[in-house]
Amino acid sequence: MANQRQRRTPLDTSPLEGEVASRRQARGGRGVKSGSKTSGHPAPHPSPSSGEGAGPVAIRPEDRIGALGEAAQNGFSAALYRLMAWLSPAYPVGAFSYSGGLEWAVEAGDVGDAHALRAWLEVIIGEGGSFCDAVLLAHAHRAAATLDDARLIAVAELAAALAPSKERHLETTAQGAAFLEVTRAAWPCAALDHLTALWPGPCAYPVAVAVAAAGHGIAVEPALAAYLQAVAANLVSAGVRLIPLGQTDGQRVIAALEPCIRGAAARSLATPLEQMGSAAFRADLASQRHEAQYTRLFRS
């Protein structure tokens, strides 16, 4: 529209000052009275040091806060968007087809309701295989971010060898290979290409996620939180189908796991690779016994 004013950044005062000055000149140099209205907003109060109407145009606090908030959001949105995409159930790594031994635990009677499912997952995430995955992710991220190839190879080798059963090895390496393939095609970065050239062996899932995050400049803390939440959500989804549970009960379990995930993420950042270990023996046995389970819906 011809009479529509050009949009300006709220933090940029120079164009606004120029506009006010031109209006004053058009009115013969008369000052703007305090409280008069232009374009539906109160005019700025006059400056006491330079005469009525001679001071700079005031910027509303809400405009300044809004502009700063938008800048912060724009700086963080790429990392958040990518983590949400990579660790979404829609990402084609086949996570839905694995239960980490939970299927055997349900058949054996270890897990039969929402309370038991929560207790089972708290052990896995806080003391078991998922905690070890978080430690591996943290160390792989640091190695990739600092270009420490020797350290990255050591972490990748340990992650591939650490699985306590054949099915758990399949679970982490199959998802790792799928994640690498899809992410290199849709979200390419030099770090992922370097990893595939550097490590020819099977790549564990947390190592692949860690290198992708480091390669895209995503900090390790949100990457850890997103990874553990995705693991928990996938296992809860398996529990909802296996026990079975209602969808609302499943969400209650996910909500109840938040402190466990937060604690596991924090401890994984401070755990040396040499001190990493698991204490979830029943879960490890479940993953081994699942291999011989007669009827099953999941691959682990």
Foldseek 3Di string as FASTA:
>chain_A
DVPDDDDDQLVDQVVVQVVLVVVCVVVVNDADDFQDDDPRDTWDAADPVPDGRPDTGDRDPVSVVVNVVVVVCVVCVVLVVVLCQLLPPPQPLPLLQAQLLVLLCLVVPQDQALVSLLVLVLQCCQFHDVLLLLLLLLQLLVCLLVVVLVSNQVSFVCLLVVQLAPLSSCSFLSSLVSSLVVCCVVPNFVQSVVVVVSHVDRGGNSNSLSSSCSRVVHDSLVSQLSNSLSNLLSNLVVCCVRSNDDPVSSVVSSVVCVVSSNVSNVVSNVDDNVRDDHDSVVSSVSSHVVVVDDDDRHSD
